[in-house]
Amino acid sequence: MDQLTTGSKAPAFKLSNQDEAQVSLSTFKGQKVIVYFYPAASTPGCTKQACDFQENMNVLKKAGYVVLGVSPDSAAKLTKFRKNEGLKFDLLSDPEMTTIKAYGAFGEKSMYGKIYEGLIRSTFVIDEKGKIEHALYNVKATGHVAMLRKVLGL
């Protein structure tokens, strides 16, 4: 998969959220959007990352950002994850990984010396015109939101 770069057009998407309502990137035209891709709801790293976004939500909202999390999980699993962790932002379901692949967030990974293909934990900051401001691949779950806030000057 080709990775996105600063200035490229953010790939359009229309995915179901945790409530099975359709959410499109175009819904947020004129707004700044943070779209982050994570491997699986309710796992330790993904929970830490989601909770970090939630803990920083006031700062992000005040700066004009909408946050969307995307994973291959079902809407039912996302509903449970959102409720259990008290998340107040939409989690989007991409079981076919169409959007995940369009953003270059799927590819070769390595764990304990073994190479395999999977979801690459990634975050994208999209400006009001639908352009990629920041494309961050292979981010760490812990400390990622703090690093993102530095990148965004927040």
N, C-alpha and C. Protein backbone atom coordinates (compact mmCIF):
# COMPACT_ATOMS: atom_id res chain seq x y z
N MET A 1 0.84 -1.19 0.00
CA MET A 1 0.00 0.00 0.00
C MET A 1 0.88 1.24 0.00
N ASP A 2 0.49 2.22 -0.81
CA ASP A 2 1.20 3.48 -0.81
C ASP A 2 0.78 4.31 0.40
N GLN A 3 1.75 4.94 1.02
CA GLN A 3 1.44 5.78 2.17
C GLN A 3 1.13 7.19 1.70
N LEU A 4 0.27 7.86 2.45
CA LEU A 4 -0.11 9.23 2.14
C LEU A 4 0.96 10.19 2.66
N THR A 5 1.02 11.36 2.04
CA THR A 5 1.99 12.37 2.46
C THR A 5 1.29 13.70 2.67
N THR A 6 1.97 14.59 3.34
CA THR A 6 1.45 15.93 3.58
C THR A 6 1.06 16.58 2.25
N GLY A 7 -0.12 17.18 2.24
CA GLY A 7 -0.59 17.87 1.04
C GLY A 7 -1.44 17.02 0.12
N SER A 8 -1.40 15.69 0.29
CA SER A 8 -2.23 14.85 -0.58
C SER A 8 -3.69 14.92 -0.13
N LYS A 9 -4.59 14.61 -1.04
CA LYS A 9 -6.02 14.63 -0.73
C LYS A 9 -6.34 13.41 0.14
N ALA A 10 -7.09 13.66 1.21
CA ALA A 10 -7.49 12.56 2.09
C ALA A 10 -8.51 11.69 1.36
N PRO A 11 -8.30 10.38 1.32
CA PRO A 11 -9.27 9.50 0.67
C PRO A 11 -10.65 9.61 1.33
N ALA A 12 -11.67 9.72 0.50
CA ALA A 12 -13.05 9.78 1.01
C ALA A 12 -13.41 8.43 1.61
N PHE A 13 -14.31 8.46 2.58
CA PHE A 13 -14.82 7.21 3.14
C PHE A 13 -16.22 7.41 3.66
N LYS A 14 -16.93 6.29 3.75
CA LYS A 14 -18.26 6.25 4.36
C LYS A 14 -18.32 4.92 5.10
N LEU A 15 -18.30 5.00 6.44
CA LEU A 15 -18.25 3.81 7.28
C LEU A 15 -19.34 3.88 8.35
N SER A 16 -19.69 2.74 8.89
CA SER A 16 -20.65 2.69 9.98
C SER A 16 -19.93 2.98 11.29
N ASN A 17 -20.60 3.77 12.15
CA ASN A 17 -20.03 4.01 13.48
C ASN A 17 -20.53 2.95 14.45
N GLN A 18 -20.23 3.13 15.71
CA GLN A 18 -20.61 2.17 16.74
C GLN A 18 -22.12 1.97 16.84
N ASP A 19 -22.91 2.95 16.38
CA ASP A 19 -24.37 2.86 16.41
C ASP A 19 -24.95 2.42 15.07
N GLU A 20 -24.05 2.04 14.15
CA GLU A 20 -24.40 1.63 12.79
C GLU A 20 -24.95 2.76 11.95
N ALA A 21 -24.68 4.01 12.35
CA ALA A 21 -25.01 5.18 11.53
C ALA A 21 -23.85 5.41 10.57
N GLN A 22 -24.15 5.86 9.36
CA GLN A 22 -23.11 6.10 8.36
C GLN A 22 -22.40 7.42 8.65
N VAL A 23 -21.08 7.38 8.61
CA VAL A 23 -20.26 8.57 8.82
C VAL A 23 -19.33 8.70 7.61
N SER A 24 -19.37 9.88 6.98
CA SER A 24 -18.53 10.15 5.81
C SER A 24 -17.53 11.24 6.16
N LEU A 25 -16.36 11.17 5.55
CA LEU A 25 -15.39 12.25 5.72
C LEU A 25 -15.99 13.56 5.23
N SER A 26 -16.77 13.51 4.17
CA SER A 26 -17.36 14.73 3.60
C SER A 26 -18.28 15.46 4.58
N THR A 27 -18.81 14.73 5.58
CA THR A 27 -19.64 15.34 6.62
C THR A 27 -18.87 16.43 7.35
N PHE A 28 -17.56 16.31 7.41
CA PHE A 28 -16.73 17.21 8.20
C PHE A 28 -16.02 18.26 7.35
N LYS A 29 -16.48 18.45 6.11
CA LYS A 29 -15.87 19.47 5.25
C LYS A 29 -15.94 20.81 5.96
N GLY A 30 -14.85 21.54 5.96
CA GLY A 30 -14.78 22.82 6.66
C GLY A 30 -14.33 22.68 8.10
N GLN A 31 -14.08 21.43 8.54
CA GLN A 31 -13.59 21.17 9.89
C GLN A 31 -12.25 20.44 9.82
N LYS A 32 -11.49 20.53 10.88
CA LYS A 32 -10.24 19.79 10.99
C LYS A 32 -10.56 18.43 11.63
N VAL A 33 -10.00 17.37 11.06
CA VAL A 33 -10.33 16.02 11.50
C VAL A 33 -9.05 15.24 11.79
N ILE A 34 -9.07 14.52 12.90
CA ILE A 34 -8.00 13.57 13.22
C ILE A 34 -8.62 12.19 13.04
N VAL A 35 -8.07 11.42 12.11
CA VAL A 35 -8.52 10.04 11.88
C VAL A 35 -7.38 9.14 12.30
N TYR A 36 -7.66 8.27 13.28
CA TYR A 36 -6.60 7.36 13.69
C TYR A 36 -7.07 5.91 13.49
N PHE A 37 -6.13 5.09 13.05
CA PHE A 37 -6.39 3.68 12.76
C PHE A 37 -5.70 2.83 13.82
N TYR A 38 -6.46 1.89 14.38
CA TYR A 38 -5.94 1.03 15.43
C TYR A 38 -6.37 -0.41 15.16
N PRO A 39 -5.56 -1.40 15.59
CA PRO A 39 -5.81 -2.79 15.24
C PRO A 39 -7.07 -3.43 15.82
N ALA A 40 -7.35 -3.24 17.12
CA ALA A 40 -8.47 -3.97 17.72
C ALA A 40 -8.96 -3.32 19.00
N ALA A 41 -10.25 -3.09 19.07
CA ALA A 41 -10.87 -2.53 20.26
C ALA A 41 -10.67 -3.45 21.46
N SER A 42 -10.58 -2.85 22.62
CA SER A 42 -10.50 -3.56 23.91
C SER A 42 -9.19 -4.32 24.13
N THR A 43 -8.18 -4.04 23.34
CA THR A 43 -6.85 -4.60 23.61
C THR A 43 -6.08 -3.54 24.40
N PRO A 44 -5.05 -3.93 25.14
CA PRO A 44 -4.37 -2.96 26.01
C PRO A 44 -3.87 -1.70 25.31
N GLY A 45 -3.13 -1.85 24.21
CA GLY A 45 -2.58 -0.68 23.52
C GLY A 45 -3.66 0.20 22.91
N CYS A 46 -4.64 -0.43 22.30
CA CYS A 46 -5.72 0.33 21.65
C CYS A 46 -6.59 1.04 22.70
N THR A 47 -6.77 0.41 23.84
CA THR A 47 -7.54 1.03 24.93
C THR A 47 -6.78 2.24 25.45
N LYS A 48 -5.48 2.11 25.65
CA LYS A 48 -4.65 3.22 26.14
C LYS A 48 -4.73 4.38 25.15
N GLN A 49 -4.59 4.10 23.87
CA GLN A 49 -4.62 5.15 22.86
C GLN A 49 -5.98 5.85 22.83
N ALA A 50 -7.07 5.09 22.83
CA ALA A 50 -8.41 5.67 22.80
C ALA A 50 -8.66 6.52 24.04
N CYS A 51 -8.25 6.03 25.20
CA CYS A 51 -8.45 6.79 26.44
C CYS A 51 -7.61 8.06 26.44
N ASP A 52 -6.41 8.01 25.86
CA ASP A 52 -5.60 9.22 25.74
C ASP A 52 -6.29 10.26 24.86
N PHE A 53 -6.89 9.81 23.77
CA PHE A 53 -7.65 10.75 22.93
C PHE A 53 -8.80 11.35 23.75
N GLN A 54 -9.51 10.50 24.48
CA GLN A 54 -10.65 10.99 25.28
C GLN A 54 -10.18 11.99 26.34
N GLU A 55 -9.09 11.70 27.02
CA GLU A 55 -8.56 12.60 28.05
C GLU A 55 -8.14 13.94 27.48
N ASN A 56 -7.79 13.98 26.21
CA ASN A 56 -7.34 15.21 25.55
C ASN A 56 -8.44 15.84 24.69
N MET A 57 -9.64 15.30 24.76
CA MET A 57 -10.71 15.74 23.88
C MET A 57 -11.03 17.23 24.02
N ASN A 58 -11.05 17.75 25.23
CA ASN A 58 -11.37 19.18 25.39
C ASN A 58 -10.37 20.07 24.68
N VAL A 59 -9.08 19.75 24.81
CA VAL A 59 -8.03 20.53 24.14
C VAL A 59 -8.18 20.41 22.63
N LEU A 60 -8.42 19.19 22.14
CA LEU A 60 -8.55 18.98 20.70
C LEU A 60 -9.79 19.68 20.15
N LYS A 61 -10.92 19.56 20.85
CA LYS A 61 -12.15 20.23 20.40
C LYS A 61 -11.99 21.74 20.41
N LYS A 62 -11.37 22.26 21.46
CA LYS A 62 -11.16 23.72 21.57
C LYS A 62 -10.32 24.23 20.40
N ALA A 63 -9.40 23.41 19.92
CA ALA A 63 -8.56 23.76 18.77
C ALA A 63 -9.27 23.49 17.44
N GLY A 64 -10.51 22.97 17.51
CA GLY A 64 -11.31 22.77 16.30
C GLY A 64 -11.22 21.40 15.67
N TYR A 65 -10.68 20.41 16.38
CA TYR A 65 -10.52 19.08 15.81
C TYR A 65 -11.66 18.13 16.18
N VAL A 66 -12.07 17.34 15.20
CA VAL A 66 -12.98 16.22 15.41
C VAL A 66 -12.10 14.97 15.38
N VAL A 67 -12.36 14.01 16.28
CA VAL A 67 -11.57 12.77 16.32
C VAL A 67 -12.44 11.60 15.89
N LEU A 68 -11.89 10.77 15.01
CA LEU A 68 -12.55 9.54 14.56
C LEU A 68 -11.55 8.39 14.67
N GLY A 69 -11.95 7.31 15.31
CA GLY A 69 -11.12 6.12 15.39
C GLY A 69 -11.65 5.08 14.42
N VAL A 70 -10.75 4.39 13.71
CA VAL A 70 -11.16 3.39 12.71
C VAL A 70 -10.44 2.08 12.99
N SER A 71 -11.21 0.98 12.99
CA SER A 71 -10.63 -0.35 13.14
C SER A 71 -11.46 -1.34 12.33
N PRO A 72 -10.96 -2.57 12.18
CA PRO A 72 -11.72 -3.58 11.46
C PRO A 72 -12.84 -4.21 12.31
N ASP A 73 -13.00 -3.76 13.56
CA ASP A 73 -13.99 -4.34 14.46
C ASP A 73 -15.43 -4.10 14.01
N SER A 74 -16.33 -4.97 14.45
CA SER A 74 -17.76 -4.82 14.17
C SER A 74 -18.32 -3.66 14.97
N ALA A 75 -19.45 -3.12 14.52
CA ALA A 75 -20.12 -2.04 15.25
C ALA A 75 -20.46 -2.47 16.67
N ALA A 76 -20.89 -3.72 16.85
CA ALA A 76 -21.24 -4.22 18.18
C ALA A 76 -20.03 -4.18 19.12
N LYS A 77 -18.87 -4.59 18.62
CA LYS A 77 -17.66 -4.56 19.45
C LYS A 77 -17.26 -3.12 19.77
N LEU A 78 -17.45 -2.22 18.80
CA LEU A 78 -17.12 -0.81 19.02
C LEU A 78 -18.06 -0.17 20.04
N THR A 79 -19.33 -0.56 20.01
CA THR A 79 -20.31 -0.05 20.98
C THR A 79 -19.87 -0.42 22.40
N LYS A 80 -19.50 -1.67 22.57
CA LYS A 80 -19.07 -2.15 23.88
C LYS A 80 -17.80 -1.44 24.34
N PHE A 81 -16.83 -1.30 23.44
CA PHE A 81 -15.57 -0.63 23.74
C PHE A 81 -15.82 0.83 24.14
N ARG A 82 -16.63 1.51 23.37
CA ARG A 82 -16.94 2.93 23.63
C ARG A 82 -17.60 3.09 25.00
N LYS A 83 -18.55 2.22 25.27
CA LYS A 83 -19.27 2.29 26.56
C LYS A 83 -18.34 1.96 27.73
N ASN A 84 -17.60 0.88 27.61
CA ASN A 84 -16.70 0.45 28.69
C ASN A 84 -15.64 1.49 29.04
N GLU A 85 -15.17 2.23 28.03
CA GLU A 85 -14.08 3.18 28.25
C GLU A 85 -14.57 4.63 28.37
N GLY A 86 -15.88 4.86 28.22
CA GLY A 86 -16.43 6.21 28.34
C GLY A 86 -15.98 7.14 27.23
N LEU A 87 -15.84 6.59 26.03
CA LEU A 87 -15.39 7.39 24.89
C LEU A 87 -16.55 8.21 24.33
N LYS A 88 -16.27 9.45 23.97
CA LYS A 88 -17.32 10.36 23.48
C LYS A 88 -17.13 10.72 22.00
N PHE A 89 -16.25 10.02 21.31
CA PHE A 89 -16.05 10.28 19.88
C PHE A 89 -16.42 9.01 19.11
N ASP A 90 -16.70 9.20 17.82
CA ASP A 90 -17.12 8.07 16.99
C ASP A 90 -15.98 7.10 16.71
N LEU A 91 -16.33 5.83 16.78
CA LEU A 91 -15.46 4.73 16.37
C LEU A 91 -16.09 4.13 15.13
N LEU A 92 -15.32 4.00 14.07
CA LEU A 92 -15.84 3.54 12.79
C LEU A 92 -15.37 2.13 12.48
N SER A 93 -16.28 1.36 11.90
CA SER A 93 -16.04 -0.03 11.57
C SER A 93 -15.66 -0.18 10.10
N ASP A 94 -14.51 -0.80 9.85
CA ASP A 94 -14.03 -1.04 8.48
C ASP A 94 -13.60 -2.51 8.35
N PRO A 95 -14.58 -3.44 8.44
CA PRO A 95 -14.22 -4.87 8.43
C PRO A 95 -13.56 -5.34 7.13
N GLU A 96 -13.87 -4.69 6.01
CA GLU A 96 -13.23 -5.07 4.74
C GLU A 96 -11.88 -4.38 4.57
N MET A 97 -11.58 -3.45 5.48
CA MET A 97 -10.33 -2.70 5.51
C MET A 97 -10.10 -1.85 4.25
N THR A 98 -11.17 -1.45 3.62
CA THR A 98 -11.07 -0.62 2.41
C THR A 98 -10.47 0.74 2.73
N THR A 99 -10.99 1.39 3.76
CA THR A 99 -10.48 2.71 4.15
C THR A 99 -9.09 2.58 4.76
N ILE A 100 -8.90 1.56 5.57
CA ILE A 100 -7.59 1.32 6.18
C ILE A 100 -6.53 1.22 5.08
N LYS A 101 -6.82 0.47 4.04
CA LYS A 101 -5.87 0.31 2.93
C LYS A 101 -5.73 1.59 2.12
N ALA A 102 -6.82 2.33 1.93
CA ALA A 102 -6.77 3.57 1.16
C ALA A 102 -5.84 4.59 1.83
N TYR A 103 -5.75 4.53 3.15
CA TYR A 103 -4.87 5.43 3.89
C TYR A 103 -3.45 4.87 4.06
N GLY A 104 -3.20 3.70 3.48
CA GLY A 104 -1.87 3.09 3.58
C GLY A 104 -1.58 2.56 4.97
N ALA A 105 -2.65 2.29 5.75
CA ALA A 105 -2.49 1.83 7.12
C ALA A 105 -2.55 0.31 7.24
N PHE A 106 -2.23 -0.37 6.16
CA PHE A 106 -2.15 -1.82 6.16
C PHE A 106 -0.90 -2.20 5.38
N GLY A 107 -0.13 -3.10 5.94
CA GLY A 107 1.07 -3.49 5.23
C GLY A 107 1.95 -4.40 6.07
N GLU A 108 3.21 -4.45 5.67
CA GLU A 108 4.17 -5.33 6.31
C GLU A 108 4.53 -4.82 7.70
N LYS A 109 4.50 -5.74 8.64
CA LYS A 109 4.86 -5.45 10.03
C LYS A 109 5.83 -6.52 10.51
N SER A 110 6.44 -6.25 11.64
CA SER A 110 7.37 -7.21 12.21
C SER A 110 7.15 -7.28 13.72
N MET A 111 7.09 -8.50 14.24
CA MET A 111 6.99 -8.69 15.68
C MET A 111 7.85 -9.89 16.05
N TYR A 112 8.75 -9.64 16.98
CA TYR A 112 9.66 -10.69 17.44
C TYR A 112 10.39 -11.37 16.28
N GLY A 113 10.75 -10.56 15.29
CA GLY A 113 11.50 -11.05 14.14
C GLY A 113 10.66 -11.71 13.06
N LYS A 114 9.36 -11.85 13.31
CA LYS A 114 8.48 -12.47 12.32
C LYS A 114 7.81 -11.36 11.50
N ILE A 115 7.84 -11.53 10.18
CA ILE A 115 7.24 -10.54 9.29
C ILE A 115 5.86 -11.02 8.87
N TYR A 116 4.89 -10.13 8.93
CA TYR A 116 3.52 -10.45 8.54
C TYR A 116 2.82 -9.18 8.07
N GLU A 117 1.63 -9.32 7.53
CA GLU A 117 0.85 -8.15 7.10
C GLU A 117 -0.24 -7.88 8.11
N GLY A 118 -0.48 -6.61 8.36
CA GLY A 118 -1.52 -6.25 9.31
C GLY A 118 -1.76 -4.75 9.32
N LEU A 119 -2.66 -4.33 10.19
CA LEU A 119 -2.97 -2.92 10.32
C LEU A 119 -1.80 -2.20 10.98
N ILE A 120 -1.41 -1.10 10.38
CA ILE A 120 -0.31 -0.27 10.90
C ILE A 120 -0.95 0.87 11.68
N ARG A 121 -0.68 0.94 12.97
CA ARG A 121 -1.24 2.00 13.80
C ARG A 121 -0.80 3.34 13.22
N SER A 122 -1.78 4.14 12.77
CA SER A 122 -1.49 5.37 12.03
C SER A 122 -2.48 6.46 12.40
N THR A 123 -2.06 7.70 12.24
CA THR A 123 -2.92 8.85 12.51
C THR A 123 -2.75 9.88 11.41
N PHE A 124 -3.87 10.47 11.02
CA PHE A 124 -3.88 11.48 9.96
C PHE A 124 -4.61 12.72 10.45
N VAL A 125 -3.99 13.87 10.22
CA VAL A 125 -4.63 15.14 10.51
C VAL A 125 -5.04 15.71 9.17
N ILE A 126 -6.34 15.97 9.02
CA ILE A 126 -6.90 16.43 7.76
C ILE A 126 -7.42 17.85 7.96
N ASP A 127 -7.04 18.75 7.05
CA ASP A 127 -7.46 20.15 7.19
C ASP A 127 -8.88 20.37 6.69
N GLU A 128 -9.34 21.60 6.79
CA GLU A 128 -10.72 21.96 6.44
C GLU A 128 -11.05 21.72 4.97
N LYS A 129 -10.03 21.64 4.13
CA LYS A 129 -10.24 21.44 2.70
C LYS A 129 -10.07 19.99 2.27
N GLY A 130 -9.86 19.09 3.25
CA GLY A 130 -9.72 17.67 2.93
C GLY A 130 -8.33 17.25 2.54
N LYS A 131 -7.33 18.06 2.86
CA LYS A 131 -5.94 17.72 2.56
C LYS A 131 -5.25 17.18 3.81
N ILE A 132 -4.30 16.28 3.60
CA ILE A 132 -3.54 15.71 4.71
C ILE A 132 -2.53 16.75 5.20
N GLU A 133 -2.65 17.11 6.47
CA GLU A 133 -1.68 18.02 7.10
C GLU A 133 -0.53 17.23 7.70
N HIS A 134 -0.87 16.08 8.30
CA HIS A 134 0.13 15.21 8.90
C HIS A 134 -0.28 13.76 8.66
N ALA A 135 0.67 12.95 8.21
CA ALA A 135 0.45 11.51 8.03
C ALA A 135 1.49 10.81 8.91
N LEU A 136 1.01 10.20 9.99
CA LEU A 136 1.90 9.59 10.97
C LEU A 136 1.69 8.08 10.98
N TYR A 137 2.69 7.34 10.54
CA TYR A 137 2.61 5.89 10.46
C TYR A 137 3.45 5.26 11.58
N ASN A 138 3.08 4.01 11.93
CA ASN A 138 3.81 3.24 12.95
C ASN A 138 3.92 4.00 14.26
N VAL A 139 2.82 4.64 14.67
CA VAL A 139 2.84 5.37 15.93
C VAL A 139 2.72 4.39 17.09
N LYS A 140 3.19 4.78 18.23
CA LYS A 140 3.08 3.98 19.44
C LYS A 140 1.76 4.32 20.13
N ALA A 141 1.13 3.35 20.73
CA ALA A 141 -0.13 3.59 21.43
C ALA A 141 0.07 4.51 22.63
N THR A 142 1.11 4.24 23.40
CA THR A 142 1.38 5.03 24.59
C THR A 142 2.18 6.28 24.21
N GLY A 143 1.69 7.43 24.63
CA GLY A 143 2.39 8.68 24.36
C GLY A 143 2.07 9.30 23.01
N HIS A 144 1.27 8.62 22.21
CA HIS A 144 0.97 9.12 20.88
C HIS A 144 0.22 10.45 20.90
N VAL A 145 -0.79 10.56 21.74
CA VAL A 145 -1.60 11.79 21.76
C VAL A 145 -0.77 12.97 22.25
N ALA A 146 0.10 12.74 23.22
CA ALA A 146 1.00 13.81 23.69
C ALA A 146 1.91 14.26 22.55
N MET A 147 2.44 13.31 21.78
CA MET A 147 3.29 13.64 20.63
C MET A 147 2.47 14.40 19.59
N LEU A 148 1.24 13.97 19.36
CA LEU A 148 0.38 14.63 18.38
C LEU A 148 0.09 16.07 18.80
N ARG A 149 -0.16 16.27 20.07
CA ARG A 149 -0.41 17.63 20.56
C ARG A 149 0.81 18.53 20.30
N LYS A 150 2.01 17.99 20.46
CA LYS A 150 3.23 18.78 20.16
C LYS A 150 3.27 19.12 18.68
N VAL A 151 3.01 18.14 17.83
CA VAL A 151 3.02 18.36 16.38
C VAL A 151 2.02 19.45 16.00
N LEU A 152 0.86 19.46 16.68
CA LEU A 152 -0.20 20.42 16.38
C LEU A 152 -0.03 21.74 17.13
N GLY A 153 0.98 21.83 17.99
CA GLY A 153 1.22 23.05 18.75
C GLY A 153 0.18 23.31 19.82
N LEU A 154 -0.37 22.22 20.40
CA LEU A 154 -1.39 22.36 21.44
C LEU A 154 -0.83 22.07 22.82
